[in-house]
Amino acid sequence: MTEEQPGNAYDPPPPGYQPPPGSYGQQPPNWGSAYPPPPQYPPPGYGPPHPGFSPPPPKHGQATAAMIFGIVSLAGLVTCFLPILLAPVAWILGAKAVKEIDANPGAYSGRGEASAGKIMGIVGTCLLVLALLVVTVIIIIGVNGGFDDDPYYDDPYYSDSIVGILR
């Protein structure tokens, strides 16, 4: 009588062996893989995942435009002077968008962008006014001869002008 040794769990099954369906002998589909199994998604047609979930309202178009105009106007002040003229446009668009979003908050989103555009428009408009005042003062000084090279030139006309008062 030969004593049979118990089979190793890793030995292949004998030829022709079919495990019964649903038995423990079947390996899971991803057994031995380095990757986790793919996530299981609910079947379609079940609606939103959380009760009361609704998609966010669309962004207000003028809010984005106000923010872009505000950025361009402030960046344009550094690079060249012409784009700063967009600052009042950013201020107006931002103020209008904030007012419309506050009037009906469920219809539009993007209040942060509208506020940012409005604030950048206010800052840019203030810088524009200051720059225009500086240019105006420089032109007045230049017209009145404030940049003449001859400091000993004495003309009674200049003593009555703004430059004569500033000397």
C-alpha atoms as a PDB file:
ATOM      1  CA  MET A   1       0.000   0.000   0.000  1.00  0.00           C
ATOM      2  CA  THR A   2       1.483   3.207  -1.033  1.00  0.00           C
ATOM      3  CA  GLU A   3       0.823   6.147   1.066  1.00  0.00           C
ATOM      4  CA  GLU A   4      -0.033   9.172  -1.012  1.00  0.00           C
ATOM      5  CA  GLN A   5       1.325  12.486  -0.014  1.00  0.00           C
ATOM      6  CA  PRO A   6      -1.196  15.319   0.310  1.00  0.00           C
ATOM      7  CA  GLY A   7      -1.114  17.592  -2.721  1.00  0.00           C
ATOM      8  CA  ASN A   8       0.530  20.995  -2.595  1.00  0.00           C
ATOM      9  CA  ALA A   9      -1.884  23.908  -3.020  1.00  0.00           C
ATOM     10  CA  TYR A  10       0.246  25.281  -5.831  1.00  0.00           C
ATOM     11  CA  ASP A  11       0.357  22.069  -7.817  1.00  0.00           C
ATOM     12  CA  PRO A  12      -1.693  22.183 -11.005  1.00  0.00           C
ATOM     13  CA  PRO A  13      -4.985  20.319 -10.858  1.00  0.00           C
ATOM     14  CA  PRO A  14      -5.090  16.934 -12.493  1.00  0.00           C
ATOM     15  CA  PRO A  15      -5.926  16.885 -16.192  1.00  0.00           C
ATOM     16  CA  GLY A  16      -9.626  17.210 -16.920  1.00  0.00           C
ATOM     17  CA  TYR A  17     -10.477  18.623 -13.498  1.00  0.00           C
ATOM     18  CA  GLN A  18     -13.241  21.235 -13.594  1.00  0.00           C
ATOM     19  CA  PRO A  19     -13.943  23.155 -10.379  1.00  0.00           C
ATOM     20  CA  PRO A  20     -17.598  23.574  -9.588  1.00  0.00           C
ATOM     21  CA  PRO A  21     -19.041  26.993 -10.474  1.00  0.00           C
ATOM     22  CA  GLY A  22     -18.700  29.587  -7.709  1.00  0.00           C
ATOM     23  CA  SER A  23     -16.315  27.457  -5.675  1.00  0.00           C
ATOM     24  CA  TYR A  24     -13.339  28.673  -3.764  1.00  0.00           C
ATOM     25  CA  GLY A  25     -11.002  27.125  -6.280  1.00  0.00           C
ATOM     26  CA  GLN A  26     -11.437  29.967  -8.730  1.00  0.00           C
ATOM     27  CA  GLN A  27      -9.076  32.880  -8.432  1.00  0.00           C
ATOM     28  CA  PRO A  28     -10.306  36.479  -8.428  1.00  0.00           C
ATOM     29  CA  PRO A  29     -10.020  38.177 -11.815  1.00  0.00           C
ATOM     30  CA  ASN A  30      -7.047  40.387 -10.847  1.00  0.00           C
ATOM     31  CA  TRP A  31      -5.228  37.958  -8.564  1.00  0.00           C
ATOM     32  CA  GLY A  32      -1.493  38.497  -8.703  1.00  0.00           C
ATOM     33  CA  SER A  33      -1.706  41.794 -10.604  1.00  0.00           C
ATOM     34  CA  ALA A  34       0.264  44.812  -9.427  1.00  0.00           C
ATOM     35  CA  TYR A  35      -2.661  47.103 -10.229  1.00  0.00           C
ATOM     36  CA  PRO A  36      -5.848  47.412  -8.212  1.00  0.00           C
ATOM     37  CA  PRO A  37      -9.090  46.344  -9.832  1.00  0.00           C
ATOM     38  CA  PRO A  38     -10.898  49.030 -11.821  1.00  0.00           C
ATOM     39  CA  PRO A  39     -13.495  51.056  -9.885  1.00  0.00           C
ATOM     40  CA  GLN A  40     -17.061  49.904 -10.096  1.00  0.00           C
ATOM     41  CA  TYR A  41     -19.387  52.617 -11.351  1.00  0.00           C
ATOM     42  CA  PRO A  42     -23.108  52.555 -10.724  1.00  0.00           C
ATOM     43  CA  PRO A  43     -25.165  51.636 -13.729  1.00  0.00           C
ATOM     44  CA  PRO A  44     -26.537  54.572 -15.734  1.00  0.00           C
ATOM     45  CA  GLY A  45     -29.927  55.964 -14.951  1.00  0.00           C
ATOM     46  CA  TYR A  46     -29.593  56.359 -11.190  1.00  0.00           C
ATOM     47  CA  GLY A  47     -29.474  60.183 -11.170  1.00  0.00           C
ATOM     48  CA  PRO A  48     -27.186  62.395  -9.102  1.00  0.00           C
ATOM     49  CA  PRO A  49     -24.950  60.706  -6.514  1.00  0.00           C
ATOM     50  CA  HIS A  50     -26.111  62.918  -3.603  1.00  0.00           C
ATOM     51  CA  PRO A  51     -29.583  64.130  -2.768  1.00  0.00           C
ATOM     52  CA  GLY A  52     -30.028  67.812  -3.502  1.00  0.00           C
ATOM     53  CA  PHE A  53     -27.070  67.852  -5.886  1.00  0.00           C
ATOM     54  CA  SER A  54     -27.419  70.251  -8.787  1.00  0.00           C
ATOM     55  CA  PRO A  55     -24.802  71.496 -11.240  1.00  0.00           C
ATOM     56  CA  PRO A  56     -23.424  74.994 -10.587  1.00  0.00           C
ATOM     57  CA  PRO A  57     -24.956  77.875 -12.536  1.00  0.00           C
ATOM     58  CA  PRO A  58     -23.057  79.169 -15.582  1.00  0.00           C
ATOM     59  CA  LYS A  59     -20.510  81.950 -15.195  1.00  0.00           C
ATOM     60  CA  HIS A  60     -21.548  85.467 -16.046  1.00  0.00           C
ATOM     61  CA  GLY A  61     -19.863  86.420 -19.326  1.00  0.00           C
ATOM     62  CA  GLN A  62     -19.158  90.000 -18.276  1.00  0.00           C
ATOM     63  CA  ALA A  63     -17.435  88.775 -15.106  1.00  0.00           C
ATOM     64  CA  THR A  64     -14.753  87.014 -17.111  1.00  0.00           C
ATOM     65  CA  ALA A  65     -14.453  89.957 -19.509  1.00  0.00           C
ATOM     66  CA  ALA A  66     -14.065  92.407 -16.607  1.00  0.00           C
ATOM     67  CA  MET A  67     -11.297  90.337 -15.070  1.00  0.00           C
ATOM     68  CA  ILE A  68      -9.455  90.009 -18.392  1.00  0.00           C
ATOM     69  CA  PHE A  69      -9.743  93.747 -19.112  1.00  0.00           C
ATOM     70  CA  GLY A  70      -8.509  94.524 -15.599  1.00  0.00           C
ATOM     71  CA  ILE A  71      -5.465  92.282 -15.981  1.00  0.00           C
ATOM     72  CA  VAL A  72      -4.657  93.665 -19.444  1.00  0.00           C
ATOM     73  CA  SER A  73      -5.010  97.263 -18.250  1.00  0.00           C
ATOM     74  CA  LEU A  74      -2.699  96.840 -15.262  1.00  0.00           C
ATOM     75  CA  ALA A  75      -0.169  94.814 -17.219  1.00  0.00           C
ATOM     76  CA  GLY A  76      -0.359  97.382 -20.017  1.00  0.00           C
ATOM     77  CA  LEU A  77       0.564 100.162 -17.607  1.00  0.00           C
ATOM     78  CA  VAL A  78       3.899  98.446 -17.062  1.00  0.00           C
ATOM     79  CA  THR A  79       4.617  97.595 -20.693  1.00  0.00           C
ATOM     80  CA  CYS A  80       3.134 100.548 -22.565  1.00  0.00           C
ATOM     81  CA  PHE A  81       0.625 103.237 -21.705  1.00  0.00           C
ATOM     82  CA  LEU A  82      -2.198 102.512 -24.158  1.00  0.00           C
ATOM     83  CA  PRO A  83      -3.842  99.416 -22.546  1.00  0.00           C
ATOM     84  CA  ILE A  84      -4.486 101.343 -19.295  1.00  0.00           C
ATOM     85  CA  LEU A  85      -7.401 102.923 -21.171  1.00  0.00           C
ATOM     86  CA  LEU A  86      -9.233  99.597 -20.657  1.00  0.00           C
ATOM     87  CA  ALA A  87      -9.355 100.116 -16.880  1.00  0.00           C
ATOM     88  CA  PRO A  88     -12.617 102.110 -16.869  1.00  0.00           C
ATOM     89  CA  VAL A  89     -14.172  99.441 -19.094  1.00  0.00           C
ATOM     90  CA  ALA A  90     -13.149  96.753 -16.576  1.00  0.00           C
ATOM     91  CA  TRP A  91     -14.608  98.827 -13.741  1.00  0.00           C
ATOM     92  CA  ILE A  92     -17.950  99.301 -15.526  1.00  0.00           C
ATOM     93  CA  LEU A  93     -18.252  95.666 -16.662  1.00  0.00           C
ATOM     94  CA  GLY A  94     -17.267  94.353 -13.222  1.00  0.00           C
ATOM     95  CA  ALA A  95     -19.742  96.593 -11.404  1.00  0.00           C
ATOM     96  CA  LYS A  96     -22.549  95.609 -13.778  1.00  0.00           C
ATOM     97  CA  ALA A  97     -21.766  91.885 -13.463  1.00  0.00           C
ATOM     98  CA  VAL A  98     -21.587  92.049  -9.643  1.00  0.00           C
ATOM     99  CA  LYS A  99     -24.951  93.823  -9.564  1.00  0.00           C
ATOM    100  CA  GLU A 100     -26.575  91.214 -11.850  1.00  0.00           C
ATOM    101  CA  ILE A 101     -25.076  88.269  -9.936  1.00  0.00           C
ATOM    102  CA  ASP A 102     -26.213  89.702  -6.598  1.00  0.00           C
ATOM    103  CA  ALA A 103     -29.719  90.324  -7.963  1.00  0.00           C
ATOM    104  CA  ASN A 104     -30.133  86.662  -8.956  1.00  0.00           C
ATOM    105  CA  PRO A 105     -27.432  84.455  -7.378  1.00  0.00           C
ATOM    106  CA  GLY A 106     -28.923  81.202  -8.621  1.00  0.00           C
ATOM    107  CA  ALA A 107     -28.761  82.221 -12.278  1.00  0.00           C
ATOM    108  CA  TYR A 108     -25.063  83.107 -12.529  1.00  0.00           C
ATOM    109  CA  SER A 109     -21.770  82.345 -10.838  1.00  0.00           C
ATOM    110  CA  GLY A 110     -18.429  84.145 -11.169  1.00  0.00           C
ATOM    111  CA  ARG A 111     -18.869  86.857  -8.546  1.00  0.00           C
ATOM    112  CA  GLY A 112     -15.181  86.564  -7.589  1.00  0.00           C
ATOM    113  CA  GLU A 113     -14.057  87.213 -11.145  1.00  0.00           C
ATOM    114  CA  ALA A 114     -16.432  90.165 -11.448  1.00  0.00           C
ATOM    115  CA  SER A 115     -15.199  91.649  -8.165  1.00  0.00           C
ATOM    116  CA  ALA A 116     -11.563  91.169  -9.196  1.00  0.00           C
ATOM    117  CA  GLY A 117     -12.226  92.912 -12.524  1.00  0.00           C
ATOM    118  CA  LYS A 118     -14.030  95.749 -10.764  1.00  0.00           C
ATOM    119  CA  ILE A 119     -11.203  96.255  -8.255  1.00  0.00           C
ATOM    120  CA  MET A 120      -8.502  96.118 -10.941  1.00  0.00           C
ATOM    121  CA  GLY A 121     -10.572  98.574 -12.985  1.00  0.00           C
ATOM    122  CA  ILE A 122     -10.769 100.984 -10.036  1.00  0.00           C
ATOM    123  CA  VAL A 123      -7.021 100.736  -9.393  1.00  0.00           C
ATOM    124  CA  GLY A 124      -6.231 101.134 -13.095  1.00  0.00           C
ATOM    125  CA  THR A 125      -8.559 104.114 -13.448  1.00  0.00           C
ATOM    126  CA  CYS A 126      -6.928 105.843 -10.462  1.00  0.00           C
ATOM    127  CA  LEU A 127      -3.487 105.218 -11.962  1.00  0.00           C
ATOM    128  CA  LEU A 128      -4.756 106.512 -15.318  1.00  0.00           C
ATOM    129  CA  VAL A 129      -6.007 109.736 -13.726  1.00  0.00           C
ATOM    130  CA  LEU A 130      -2.702 110.203 -11.875  1.00  0.00           C
ATOM    131  CA  ALA A 131      -0.721 109.592 -15.050  1.00  0.00           C
ATOM    132  CA  LEU A 132      -2.855 112.077 -16.970  1.00  0.00           C
ATOM    133  CA  LEU A 133      -2.334 114.678 -14.226  1.00  0.00           C
ATOM    134  CA  VAL A 134       1.436 114.171 -14.345  1.00  0.00           C
ATOM    135  CA  VAL A 135       1.468 114.477 -18.142  1.00  0.00           C
ATOM    136  CA  THR A 136      -0.672 117.625 -17.928  1.00  0.00           C
ATOM    137  CA  VAL A 137       1.651 119.243 -15.362  1.00  0.00           C
ATOM    138  CA  ILE A 138       4.697 118.376 -17.467  1.00  0.00           C
ATOM    139  CA  ILE A 139       3.070 119.915 -20.555  1.00  0.00           C
ATOM    140  CA  ILE A 140       2.168 123.098 -18.635  1.00  0.00           C
ATOM    141  CA  ILE A 141       5.699 123.409 -17.291  1.00  0.00           C
ATOM    142  CA  GLY A 142       7.131 122.828 -20.766  1.00  0.00           C
ATOM    143  CA  VAL A 143       4.866 125.390 -22.401  1.00  0.00           C
ATOM    144  CA  ASN A 144       5.787 127.987 -19.786  1.00  0.00           C
ATOM    145  CA  GLY A 145       9.507 127.470 -20.404  1.00  0.00           C
ATOM    146  CA  GLY A 146      10.277 125.473 -17.296  1.00  0.00           C
ATOM    147  CA  PHE A 147      12.717 123.299 -19.190  1.00  0.00           C
ATOM    148  CA  ASP A 148      14.768 126.153 -20.715  1.00  0.00           C
ATOM    149  CA  ASP A 149      18.531 125.824 -20.360  1.00  0.00           C
ATOM    150  CA  ASP A 150      19.268 129.486 -19.575  1.00  0.00           C
ATOM    151  CA  PRO A 151      18.692 129.982 -15.811  1.00  0.00           C
ATOM    152  CA  TYR A 152      19.598 133.715 -16.079  1.00  0.00           C
ATOM    153  CA  TYR A 153      16.963 134.496 -18.631  1.00  0.00           C
ATOM    154  CA  ASP A 154      14.681 137.036 -16.991  1.00  0.00           C
ATOM    155  CA  ASP A 155      11.501 137.846 -18.762  1.00  0.00           C
ATOM    156  CA  PRO A 156       8.606 139.550 -16.997  1.00  0.00           C
ATOM    157  CA  TYR A 157       6.193 137.196 -18.759  1.00  0.00           C
ATOM    158  CA  TYR A 158       7.589 134.181 -16.911  1.00  0.00           C
ATOM    159  CA  SER A 159       7.389 135.825 -13.515  1.00  0.00           C
ATOM    160  CA  ASP A 160       3.618 136.017 -13.856  1.00  0.00           C
ATOM    161  CA  SER A 161       3.230 132.401 -15.029  1.00  0.00           C
ATOM    162  CA  ILE A 162       2.916 129.216 -13.044  1.00  0.00           C
ATOM    163  CA  VAL A 163       6.625 128.495 -13.476  1.00  0.00           C
ATOM    164  CA  GLY A 164       7.491 131.921 -12.069  1.00  0.00           C
ATOM    165  CA  ILE A 165       5.418 131.205  -9.016  1.00  0.00           C
ATOM    166  CA  LEU A 166       7.070 127.810  -8.518  1.00  0.00           C
ATOM    167  CA  ARG A 167      10.628 129.269  -8.647  1.00  0.00           C
END
